[in-house]
Protein backbone atom coordinates (compact mmCIF):
# COMPACT_ATOMS: atom_id res chain seq x y z
CA UNK A 1 -37.74 31.42 29.49
CA UNK A 2 -36.95 30.22 25.99
CA UNK A 3 -33.27 29.84 26.86
CA UNK A 4 -34.22 27.84 29.97
CA UNK A 5 -36.35 25.51 27.86
CA UNK A 6 -33.50 25.14 25.36
CA UNK A 7 -31.12 24.25 28.18
CA UNK A 8 -33.52 21.59 29.44
CA UNK A 9 -33.78 20.08 25.95
CA UNK A 10 -29.98 20.13 25.61
CA UNK A 11 -29.55 18.19 28.82
CA UNK A 12 -32.25 15.68 27.87
CA UNK A 13 -30.40 15.12 24.59
CA UNK A 14 -27.21 14.68 26.60
CA UNK A 15 -29.03 12.16 28.83
CA UNK A 16 -30.26 10.18 25.81
CA UNK A 17 -26.76 9.96 24.32
CA UNK A 18 -25.26 9.26 27.75
CA UNK A 19 -27.59 6.30 28.33
CA UNK A 20 -26.64 4.82 24.96
CA UNK A 21 -22.94 5.37 25.69
CA UNK A 22 -23.43 3.66 29.05
CA UNK A 23 -25.00 0.66 27.34
CA UNK A 24 -22.20 0.43 24.77
CA UNK A 25 -19.42 0.70 27.36
CA UNK A 26 -21.05 -1.71 29.78
CA UNK A 27 -21.28 -4.23 26.95
CA UNK A 28 -17.60 -3.91 26.04
CA UNK A 29 -16.18 -4.16 29.57
CA UNK A 30 -18.56 -6.85 30.81
CA UNK A 31 -18.04 -9.02 27.73
CA UNK A 32 -14.26 -8.92 28.09
CA UNK A 33 -14.51 -10.01 31.72
CA UNK A 34 -16.90 -12.81 30.68
CA UNK A 35 -14.80 -14.22 27.84
CA UNK A 36 -13.15 -16.89 29.97
CA UNK A 37 -16.55 -18.05 31.28
CA UNK A 38 -18.14 -18.01 27.80
CA UNK A 39 -15.22 -19.99 26.38
CA UNK A 40 -15.62 -22.64 29.07
CA UNK A 41 -19.43 -22.78 28.82
CA UNK A 42 -19.58 -22.97 25.01
CA UNK A 43 -16.36 -25.01 24.63
CA UNK A 44 -14.65 -22.32 22.54
CA UNK A 45 -11.04 -22.18 21.42
CA UNK A 46 -8.87 -19.05 21.62
CA UNK A 47 -9.62 -18.32 17.97
CA UNK A 48 -13.38 -18.63 18.58
CA UNK A 49 -13.50 -16.35 21.62
CA UNK A 50 -11.53 -13.80 19.61
CA UNK A 51 -14.54 -13.75 17.29
CA UNK A 52 -16.93 -13.00 20.16
CA UNK A 53 -15.08 -9.69 20.55
CA UNK A 54 -13.89 -9.16 17.00
CA UNK A 55 -17.15 -9.69 15.09
CA UNK A 56 -18.56 -6.84 17.18
CA UNK A 57 -15.62 -4.60 16.28
CA UNK A 58 -15.54 -5.79 12.68
CA UNK A 59 -19.18 -4.97 11.88
CA UNK A 60 -18.74 -1.67 13.72
CA UNK A 61 -15.77 -0.61 11.64
CA UNK A 62 -17.49 -1.73 8.44
CA UNK A 63 -20.61 0.36 9.12
CA UNK A 64 -19.15 3.42 10.88
CA UNK A 65 -18.07 5.56 7.96
CA UNK A 66 -21.10 4.46 5.92
CA UNK A 67 -23.46 5.44 8.74
CA UNK A 68 -21.72 8.80 9.14
CA UNK A 69 -22.03 9.51 5.42
CA UNK A 70 -25.71 8.53 5.35
CA UNK A 71 -26.32 10.70 8.42
CA UNK A 72 -24.86 13.71 6.59
CA UNK A 73 -27.42 13.17 3.81
CA UNK A 74 -30.65 11.93 5.41
CA UNK A 75 -30.13 13.18 8.96
CA UNK A 76 -28.42 12.11 12.17
CA UNK A 77 -31.64 11.47 14.08
CA UNK A 78 -32.91 8.62 11.89
CA UNK A 79 -29.56 6.78 11.78
CA UNK A 80 -28.97 7.23 15.50
CA UNK A 81 -32.40 5.86 16.49
CA UNK A 82 -31.98 2.97 14.04
CA UNK A 83 -28.66 2.12 15.69
CA UNK A 84 -30.14 2.07 19.20
CA UNK A 85 -32.97 -0.25 18.13
CA UNK A 86 -30.66 -2.65 16.28
CA UNK A 87 -28.26 -2.81 19.24
CA UNK A 88 -31.09 -3.49 21.69
CA UNK A 89 -32.66 -6.26 19.60
CA UNK A 90 -29.23 -7.80 18.93
CA UNK A 91 -28.65 -7.98 22.69
CA UNK A 92 -31.70 -10.23 22.92
CA UNK A 93 -30.25 -12.50 20.21
CA UNK A 94 -26.90 -12.73 22.03
CA UNK A 95 -28.55 -13.32 25.40
CA UNK A 96 -30.70 -16.20 24.16
CA UNK A 97 -27.94 -17.69 21.96
CA UNK A 98 -28.05 -21.52 22.25
CA UNK A 99 -24.57 -21.93 20.76
CA UNK A 100 -21.42 -20.03 19.83
CA UNK A 101 -22.51 -19.38 16.23
CA UNK A 102 -25.71 -17.63 17.31
CA UNK A 103 -23.79 -15.63 19.91
CA UNK A 104 -21.37 -14.44 17.23
CA UNK A 105 -24.31 -13.44 14.98
CA UNK A 106 -25.87 -11.48 17.84
CA UNK A 107 -22.56 -9.77 18.57
CA UNK A 108 -22.21 -8.89 14.88
CA UNK A 109 -25.63 -7.24 14.88
CA UNK A 110 -24.69 -5.38 18.05
CA UNK A 111 -21.71 -4.05 16.13
CA UNK A 112 -24.03 -2.65 13.45
CA UNK A 113 -25.96 -0.74 16.11
CA UNK A 114 -22.70 0.38 17.71
CA UNK A 115 -21.41 1.67 14.37
CA UNK A 116 -24.58 3.70 13.74
CA UNK A 117 -24.43 5.43 17.13
CA UNK A 118 -20.76 5.79 18.13
CA UNK A 119 -19.62 8.56 15.78
CA UNK A 120 -22.92 10.42 15.92
CA UNK A 121 -23.15 10.50 19.72
CA UNK A 122 -20.29 12.96 20.19
CA UNK A 123 -21.56 15.11 17.30
CA UNK A 124 -25.10 15.22 18.73
CA UNK A 125 -24.10 16.42 22.19
CA UNK A 126 -21.44 18.91 21.04
CA UNK A 127 -23.80 20.44 18.47
CA UNK A 128 -26.51 20.83 21.13
CA UNK A 129 -24.30 23.07 23.32
CA UNK A 130 -22.33 26.30 22.66
CA UNK A 131 -18.81 25.82 21.30
CA UNK A 132 -17.19 27.30 24.44
CA UNK A 133 -18.73 24.43 26.45
CA UNK A 134 -17.35 21.60 24.31
CA UNK A 135 -14.58 20.66 26.71
CA UNK A 136 -17.00 20.54 29.63
CA UNK A 137 -19.60 18.55 27.69
CA UNK A 138 -17.04 16.11 26.31
CA UNK A 139 -15.60 15.77 29.81
CA UNK A 140 -19.04 14.93 31.21
CA UNK A 141 -19.62 12.53 28.33
CA UNK A 142 -16.32 10.77 28.98
CA UNK A 143 -17.17 10.71 32.69
CA UNK A 144 -20.30 8.74 31.84
CA UNK A 145 -18.23 6.43 29.67
CA UNK A 146 -15.71 6.10 32.48
CA UNK A 147 -18.45 5.41 35.02
CA UNK A 148 -19.92 2.70 32.79
CA UNK A 149 -16.48 1.17 32.38
CA UNK A 150 -15.85 1.52 36.09
CA UNK A 151 -18.99 -0.34 37.14
CA UNK A 152 -18.93 -2.67 34.12
CA UNK A 153 -16.27 -5.12 35.36
CA UNK A 154 -17.81 -5.19 38.86
CA UNK A 155 -21.36 -5.61 37.55
CA UNK A 156 -20.08 -8.28 35.19
CA UNK A 157 -18.31 -10.02 38.05
CA UNK A 158 -21.48 -10.11 40.14
CA UNK A 159 -23.55 -11.32 37.18
CA UNK A 160 -21.08 -14.11 36.45
CA UNK A 161 -20.82 -14.97 40.12
CA UNK A 162 -24.55 -15.15 40.91
CA UNK A 163 -26.41 -15.43 37.56
CA UNK A 164 -24.82 -16.39 34.23
CA UNK A 165 -23.13 -14.70 31.29
CA UNK A 166 -26.41 -14.27 29.34
CA UNK A 167 -27.46 -11.48 31.68
CA UNK A 168 -24.57 -9.31 30.50
CA UNK A 169 -26.64 -8.86 27.33
CA UNK A 170 -30.10 -8.77 28.89
CA UNK A 171 -29.24 -5.66 30.96
CA UNK A 172 -29.01 -3.72 27.67
CA UNK A 173 -32.75 -4.07 27.01
CA UNK A 174 -34.18 -1.50 29.47
CA UNK A 175 -31.35 0.94 28.71
CA UNK A 176 -31.98 0.63 24.98
CA UNK A 177 -35.71 1.27 25.36
CA UNK A 178 -35.10 4.36 27.51
CA UNK A 179 -32.47 5.77 25.12
CA UNK A 180 -34.81 5.28 22.16
CA UNK A 181 -37.73 7.06 23.85
CA UNK A 182 -35.64 10.05 24.99
CA UNK A 183 -34.01 10.46 21.58
CA UNK A 184 -37.36 10.38 19.76
CA UNK A 185 -38.87 12.97 22.12
CA UNK A 186 -36.05 15.49 22.46
CA UNK A 187 -33.70 15.23 19.46
CA UNK A 188 -35.04 16.77 16.24
CA UNK A 189 -32.04 17.34 13.99
CA UNK A 190 -32.88 17.65 10.29
CA UNK A 191 -30.68 16.62 7.39
CA UNK A 192 -28.72 19.02 5.20
CA UNK A 193 -30.69 19.43 2.00
CA UNK A 194 -28.48 18.39 -0.90
CA UNK A 195 -28.47 16.18 -3.96
CA UNK A 196 -25.54 14.00 -2.92
CA UNK A 197 -25.76 10.23 -3.22
CA UNK A 198 -24.18 7.37 -1.29
CA UNK A 199 -21.22 5.54 -2.81
CA UNK A 200 -22.42 1.95 -2.45
CA UNK A 201 -19.63 0.53 -4.63
CA UNK A 202 -17.07 2.27 -2.45
CA UNK A 203 -18.76 0.89 0.65
CA UNK A 204 -18.60 -2.67 -0.73
CA UNK A 205 -14.90 -2.29 -1.56
CA UNK A 206 -14.12 -0.82 1.88
CA UNK A 207 -16.17 -3.42 3.77
CA UNK A 208 -14.62 -6.27 1.76
CA UNK A 209 -11.09 -5.02 2.36
CA UNK A 210 -11.59 -4.52 6.09
CA UNK A 211 -13.44 -7.81 6.60
CA UNK A 212 -10.85 -9.94 4.79
CA UNK A 213 -7.97 -8.17 6.54
CA UNK A 214 -9.37 -8.69 10.04
CA UNK A 215 -10.51 -12.23 9.19
CA UNK A 216 -7.00 -13.16 8.03
CA UNK A 217 -5.38 -11.60 11.11
CA UNK A 218 -7.87 -13.38 13.36
CA UNK A 219 -7.07 -16.75 11.77
CA UNK A 220 -3.32 -16.18 11.76
CA UNK A 221 -2.89 -18.45 14.78
CA UNK A 222 -4.55 -21.31 12.90
CA UNK A 223 -3.19 -20.70 9.42
CA UNK A 224 0.34 -19.35 9.99
CA UNK A 225 2.14 -16.54 8.13
CA UNK A 226 3.08 -18.72 5.14
CA UNK A 227 -0.39 -20.23 4.68
CA UNK A 228 -1.93 -19.90 1.23
CA UNK A 229 -5.22 -18.91 2.88
CA UNK A 230 -3.61 -16.13 4.88
CA UNK A 231 -1.65 -14.73 1.94
CA UNK A 232 -4.67 -14.94 -0.40
CA UNK A 233 -6.97 -13.12 2.01
CA UNK A 234 -4.35 -10.43 2.63
CA UNK A 235 -3.80 -9.91 -1.11
CA UNK A 236 -7.53 -9.67 -1.91
CA UNK A 237 -7.94 -7.28 1.02
CA UNK A 238 -5.10 -5.08 -0.25
CA UNK A 239 -6.58 -5.00 -3.77
CA UNK A 240 -10.03 -4.07 -2.41
CA UNK A 241 -8.64 -1.24 -0.27
CA UNK A 242 -6.47 0.11 -3.11
CA UNK A 243 -9.47 0.09 -5.48
CA UNK A 244 -11.50 1.86 -2.79
CA UNK A 245 -8.84 4.55 -2.44
CA UNK A 246 -8.71 5.08 -6.21
CA UNK A 247 -12.49 5.21 -6.51
CA UNK A 248 -12.84 7.78 -3.73
CA UNK A 249 -10.57 10.14 -5.67
CA UNK A 250 -12.72 10.01 -8.79
CA UNK A 251 -16.30 9.57 -7.59
CA UNK A 252 -18.39 12.72 -7.27
CA UNK A 253 -19.62 11.91 -3.77
CA UNK A 254 -16.89 9.94 -1.96
CA UNK A 255 -17.66 7.84 1.10
CA UNK A 256 -14.44 9.07 2.73
CA UNK A 257 -13.14 12.51 1.88
CA UNK A 258 -9.40 11.94 1.89
CA UNK A 259 -8.93 15.67 1.49
CA UNK A 260 -9.84 15.98 5.18
CA UNK A 261 -6.53 14.30 6.02
CA UNK A 262 -4.61 17.24 4.53
CA UNK A 263 -5.31 18.93 7.84
CA UNK A 264 -2.48 17.70 10.07
CA UNK A 265 -4.32 17.88 13.42
CA UNK A 266 -7.13 15.68 12.06
CA UNK A 267 -4.68 13.23 10.46
CA UNK A 268 -2.48 13.13 13.56
CA UNK A 269 -5.27 12.60 16.07
CA UNK A 270 -6.76 9.85 13.87
CA UNK A 271 -3.42 8.00 13.82
CA UNK A 272 -2.84 8.55 17.54
CA UNK A 273 -6.31 7.28 18.41
CA UNK A 274 -5.71 4.17 16.23
CA UNK A 275 -2.44 3.34 17.95
CA UNK A 276 -3.83 4.05 21.41
CA UNK A 277 -6.96 1.92 21.08
CA UNK A 278 -4.92 -0.91 19.55
CA UNK A 279 -3.02 -1.07 22.82
CA UNK A 280 -6.17 -0.47 24.88
CA UNK A 281 -8.16 -3.33 23.35
CA UNK A 282 -5.16 -5.66 23.45
CA UNK A 283 -4.90 -5.06 27.19
CA UNK A 284 -8.67 -5.43 27.77
CA UNK A 285 -8.67 -8.69 25.82
CA UNK A 286 -5.58 -10.36 27.31
CA UNK A 287 -5.50 -9.07 30.89
CA UNK A 288 -8.78 -10.71 32.07
CA UNK A 289 -7.62 -14.01 30.55
CA UNK A 290 -4.29 -13.66 32.37
CA UNK A 291 -5.94 -12.86 35.70
CA UNK A 292 -8.58 -15.61 35.50
CA UNK A 293 -6.93 -18.48 33.60
CA UNK A 294 -3.27 -18.05 34.56
CA UNK A 295 -3.35 -16.37 37.99
CA UNK A 296 -6.63 -18.03 39.01
CA UNK A 297 -8.76 -15.05 40.06
CA UNK A 298 -12.55 -15.29 39.89
CA UNK A 299 -14.49 -13.12 37.39
CA UNK A 300 -15.65 -10.94 40.30
CA UNK A 301 -12.08 -10.47 41.58
CA UNK A 302 -10.97 -9.66 38.02
CA UNK A 303 -13.70 -7.03 37.72
CA UNK A 304 -12.70 -5.49 41.03
CA UNK A 305 -9.06 -5.41 39.93
CA UNK A 306 -9.94 -3.46 36.79
CA UNK A 307 -11.60 -0.81 38.96
CA UNK A 308 -8.14 0.69 39.53
CA UNK A 309 -8.21 1.73 35.87
CA UNK A 310 -11.88 2.48 35.30
CA UNK A 311 -12.52 4.48 38.49
CA UNK A 312 -9.62 6.78 37.57
CA UNK A 313 -11.00 7.08 34.05
CA UNK A 314 -14.48 7.99 35.24
CA UNK A 315 -13.48 10.09 38.22
CA UNK A 316 -11.06 12.37 36.38
CA UNK A 317 -13.09 12.92 33.23
CA UNK A 318 -15.35 15.71 34.56
CA UNK A 319 -12.40 17.72 35.89
CA UNK A 320 -10.30 17.08 32.79
CA UNK A 321 -13.10 18.38 30.56
CA UNK A 322 -13.11 21.73 32.36
CA UNK A 323 -9.32 21.89 32.25
CA UNK A 324 -9.38 21.27 28.50
CA UNK A 325 -11.68 24.27 28.07
CA UNK A 326 -8.92 26.42 29.59
CA UNK A 327 -5.67 24.90 28.29
CA UNK A 328 -6.78 23.36 25.00
CA UNK A 329 -6.46 19.79 23.73
CA UNK A 330 -2.91 19.43 22.37
CA UNK A 331 -0.59 19.26 25.39
CA UNK A 332 -3.01 17.10 27.41
CA UNK A 333 -3.10 14.67 24.46
CA UNK A 334 0.69 14.36 24.63
CA UNK A 335 0.51 13.73 28.38
CA UNK A 336 -2.14 11.03 27.93
CA UNK A 337 -0.03 9.06 25.44
CA UNK A 338 3.06 9.33 27.65
CA UNK A 339 1.09 8.03 30.65
CA UNK A 340 -0.18 5.07 28.62
CA UNK A 341 3.35 4.33 27.40
CA UNK A 342 4.58 4.04 31.00
CA UNK A 343 1.60 1.79 31.80
CA UNK A 344 2.43 -0.70 29.05
CA UNK A 345 6.07 -0.82 30.01
CA UNK A 346 4.80 -1.94 33.42
CA UNK A 347 2.27 -4.40 31.93
CA UNK A 348 5.22 -6.02 30.17
CA UNK A 349 6.73 -6.82 33.59
CA UNK A 350 3.86 -9.09 34.75
CA UNK A 351 4.98 -12.57 35.82
CA UNK A 352 3.49 -15.96 36.76
CA UNK A 353 3.10 -14.67 40.32
CA UNK A 354 0.88 -11.60 40.39
CA UNK A 355 2.66 -8.40 41.43
CA UNK A 356 -0.09 -6.13 42.71
CA UNK A 357 2.06 -2.94 42.89
CA UNK A 358 3.05 -3.28 39.21
CA UNK A 359 -0.47 -4.14 38.02
CA UNK A 360 -2.24 -1.46 40.06
CA UNK A 361 0.22 1.26 39.08
CA UNK A 362 -0.09 0.33 35.40
CA UNK A 363 -3.90 0.35 35.58
CA UNK A 364 -3.95 3.75 37.32
CA UNK A 365 -1.55 5.26 34.76
CA UNK A 366 -3.59 3.92 31.88
CA UNK A 367 -6.87 5.11 33.39
CA UNK A 368 -5.39 8.58 33.82
CA UNK A 369 -4.11 8.68 30.24
CA UNK A 370 -7.36 7.40 28.78
CA UNK A 371 -9.47 9.95 30.65
CA UNK A 372 -7.51 12.69 28.89
CA UNK A 373 -7.15 11.03 25.50
CA UNK A 374 -10.82 10.36 24.83
CA UNK A 375 -11.92 13.99 25.33
CA UNK A 376 -8.81 15.56 23.81
CA UNK A 377 -8.82 13.43 20.65
CA UNK A 378 -12.53 13.96 19.99
CA UNK A 379 -12.14 17.68 20.62
CA UNK A 380 -9.27 18.02 18.14
CA UNK A 381 -11.10 15.97 15.52
CA UNK A 382 -14.33 17.97 15.79
CA UNK A 383 -12.54 21.34 15.75
CA UNK A 384 -10.59 20.29 12.65
CA UNK A 385 -13.69 19.40 10.61
CA UNK A 386 -16.11 21.69 8.78
CA UNK A 387 -19.74 21.43 9.93
CA UNK A 388 -20.97 19.94 6.65
CA UNK A 389 -18.45 17.07 6.92
CA UNK A 390 -18.83 16.30 10.62
CA UNK A 391 -20.71 13.06 10.00
CA UNK A 392 -18.33 11.58 7.46
CA UNK A 393 -15.30 13.04 9.25
CA UNK A 394 -16.18 11.59 12.64
CA UNK A 395 -17.26 8.38 10.93
CA UNK A 396 -13.77 8.11 9.43
CA UNK A 397 -12.20 9.02 12.78
CA UNK A 398 -14.08 6.30 14.63
CA UNK A 399 -13.61 3.83 11.79
CA UNK A 400 -9.86 4.14 12.26
CA UNK A 401 -10.27 3.80 16.03
CA UNK A 402 -12.48 0.72 15.94
CA UNK A 403 -10.25 -0.80 13.28
CA UNK A 404 -7.42 -0.35 15.76
CA UNK A 405 -9.48 -2.21 18.37
CA UNK A 406 -10.22 -5.06 15.96
CA UNK A 407 -6.59 -5.26 14.86
CA UNK A 408 -5.47 -5.34 18.49
CA UNK A 409 -7.67 -8.31 19.34
CA UNK A 410 -6.93 -10.19 16.10
CA UNK A 411 -3.17 -9.69 16.09
CA UNK A 412 -2.58 -10.07 19.83
CA UNK A 413 -4.78 -13.17 20.10
CA UNK A 414 -3.16 -14.84 17.09
CA UNK A 415 0.38 -13.95 18.15
CA UNK A 416 -0.29 -15.24 21.66
CA UNK A 417 -1.25 -18.61 20.18
CA UNK A 418 1.82 -18.75 17.94
CA UNK A 419 4.42 -17.43 20.40
CA UNK A 420 3.14 -19.28 23.45
CA UNK A 421 2.73 -22.64 21.75
CA UNK A 422 6.16 -22.36 20.15
CA UNK A 423 7.68 -21.63 23.55
CA UNK A 424 5.79 -24.49 25.20
CA UNK A 425 6.74 -26.93 22.43
CA UNK A 426 10.41 -26.17 22.97
CA UNK A 427 10.00 -26.75 26.71
CA UNK A 428 8.28 -30.08 26.09
CA UNK A 429 11.04 -31.22 23.73
CA UNK A 430 13.69 -30.18 26.22
CA UNK A 431 11.91 -32.13 28.95
CA UNK A 432 11.46 -35.17 26.67
CA UNK A 433 7.67 -35.08 27.00
CA UNK A 434 5.51 -36.25 24.05
CA UNK A 435 1.70 -36.25 23.83
CA UNK A 436 -1.03 -37.15 21.36
CA UNK A 437 -2.63 -34.51 19.18
CA UNK A 438 -5.71 -34.37 21.41
CA UNK A 439 -3.54 -33.77 24.48
CA UNK A 440 -1.54 -31.09 22.63
CA UNK A 441 -4.81 -29.39 21.72
CA UNK A 442 -5.70 -29.13 25.41
CA UNK A 443 -2.27 -27.68 26.15
CA UNK A 444 -2.65 -25.20 23.28
CA UNK A 445 -5.92 -23.88 24.70
CA UNK A 446 -4.36 -23.50 28.14
CA UNK A 447 -1.18 -21.79 26.96
CA UNK A 448 -3.14 -19.39 24.74
CA UNK A 449 -5.25 -18.30 27.71
CA UNK A 450 -8.54 -19.71 26.41
CA UNK A 451 -8.69 -22.27 29.24
CA UNK A 452 -7.69 -22.21 32.87
CA UNK A 453 -4.40 -23.93 33.67
CA UNK A 454 -6.33 -25.77 36.40
CA UNK A 455 -8.04 -27.84 33.69
CA UNK A 456 -4.68 -29.47 32.92
CA UNK A 457 -5.07 -31.46 36.15
CA UNK A 458 -8.29 -33.06 34.81
CA UNK A 459 -6.69 -34.29 31.58
CA UNK A 460 -3.21 -35.32 32.73
CA UNK A 461 -1.82 -37.27 35.64
CA UNK A 462 -0.98 -35.25 38.73
CA UNK A 463 2.73 -35.81 38.15
CA UNK A 464 2.51 -34.62 34.53
CA UNK A 465 0.32 -31.65 35.44
CA UNK A 466 2.72 -30.52 38.16
CA UNK A 467 5.39 -30.22 35.46
CA UNK A 468 3.15 -28.85 32.70
CA UNK A 469 1.41 -26.06 34.64
CA UNK A 470 4.63 -24.08 35.40
CA UNK A 471 5.64 -24.51 31.74
CA UNK A 472 2.27 -23.16 30.56
CA UNK A 473 2.35 -20.20 32.92
CA UNK A 474 5.91 -19.32 31.99
CA UNK A 475 5.13 -19.57 28.26
CA UNK A 476 2.02 -17.40 28.66
CA UNK A 477 3.71 -14.54 30.50
CA UNK A 478 6.58 -14.70 28.01
CA UNK A 479 4.14 -14.13 25.16
CA UNK A 480 2.21 -11.52 27.14
CA UNK A 481 5.40 -9.56 27.76
CA UNK A 482 6.23 -9.52 24.04
CA UNK A 483 2.73 -8.31 23.13
CA UNK A 484 2.80 -5.57 25.76
CA UNK A 485 6.23 -4.36 24.62
CA UNK A 486 4.82 -4.20 21.08
CA UNK A 487 2.00 -1.99 22.34
CA UNK A 488 4.56 0.22 24.11
CA UNK A 489 6.37 0.71 20.78
CA UNK A 490 3.07 1.72 19.15
CA UNK A 491 2.47 4.27 21.90
CA UNK A 492 5.98 5.65 21.44
CA UNK A 493 5.16 6.20 17.75
CA UNK A 494 1.92 7.94 18.81
CA UNK A 495 3.96 10.20 21.09
CA UNK A 496 6.17 11.26 18.18
CA UNK A 497 3.09 11.99 16.04
CA UNK A 498 1.72 14.24 18.80
CA UNK A 499 4.78 16.49 18.95
CA UNK A 500 4.07 18.58 15.80
CA UNK A 501 0.58 19.33 17.15
CA UNK A 502 2.19 21.68 19.66
CA UNK A 503 3.07 23.98 16.74
CA UNK A 504 -0.35 23.71 15.08
CA UNK A 505 -3.09 26.28 15.68
CA UNK A 506 -6.52 24.68 15.95
């Protein structure tokens, strides 16, 4: 009877974490589909819509390792509940935002809530079940994530089609309330009793270094590589991160225990996850812009197109979890990275005319690879960490992952602006076409993907637009191809990192 009651509590805990994961994943996928609409509604540039995504990732990565460390000291329950409440309230701020600045503030606060819950969610559910069920539980957890991502683009498409983009944030409210109530009732984890303190100076150095680095990368399209602003921010960021590294080696209670990285499986899976999510977020950021603003699909059609990836991700996750319990995590991880590598080679082949076979095959391959990678990478990380360092270890693991997401959006968005505008400028010079700065600004927004190419017809004569639109489309897919090939190279590096894992015993 007692075991039956314990099982019920375990599954209620799983439900609480699953609801929060659903909310987080819905928010990510729906927001990416809505970026083109938000940019048009709030008159945002490419750089500004990057911030709608990146401020969320930036605050997440700044708080993740700190939240994990605090959770190790004062308890996972308190930090996790705090994160749910912050995320839910921040969704209200974003939903009611009267302008872009308020929306960015709301998204930043959402990132704080995300950072407090992301790393702890996997720890909470795996610690609630026996160790021989971890693969199954992680598989079910990833299935929920996959389901949320699967329905996210479609739900987002319907919301954008029949309501407006504000409702993509309002739908978080009931989910957040339910997750809070279930967590309070069923999860009662207590903190490890120790006399350790939190390294606030280290946190400030880490947060400063990460913030300035991502800020500089995000503004690269505006400033340029040789800009004094860009170089100054990068130098200050480097100094902050170096000082953080030095401090963590000498402080009694480090925020990040770099000794954990002496374990190769933990180090390897952290690097692989970083490289993988860099490519993942780059694709999620650029592909909806390509489909809506270059190809001309509606938000709903874009959401339906992404189902080829997300349905595979969600549908396979339950089965993959059970398989991982039998075969382990290492070889499946290698397979997942290889599948993603093939997908990005195909993404690099996209042209101004949409090729459905190429796009669908690439999305299916990436969905398959991601379904494996999420469970396998978490499993390896958790099995590599001692119990007393699970919070800080998983905080570091997810910090690296979310940093990869933020870097993907910042670098890919900035490079798209630079590469595409350079290509378009050369085409304009070759065609002998000259325009005022205001007209060039319109072309820059179109060629970067922040505006639909159809808007060119409202600002230029029909004769000019008929020449400019093919130039813009050609320049965009040229830049997109370069970015996707770059992601493929990153995934190839990840594949090489995976190989020694086959000789490691977890």
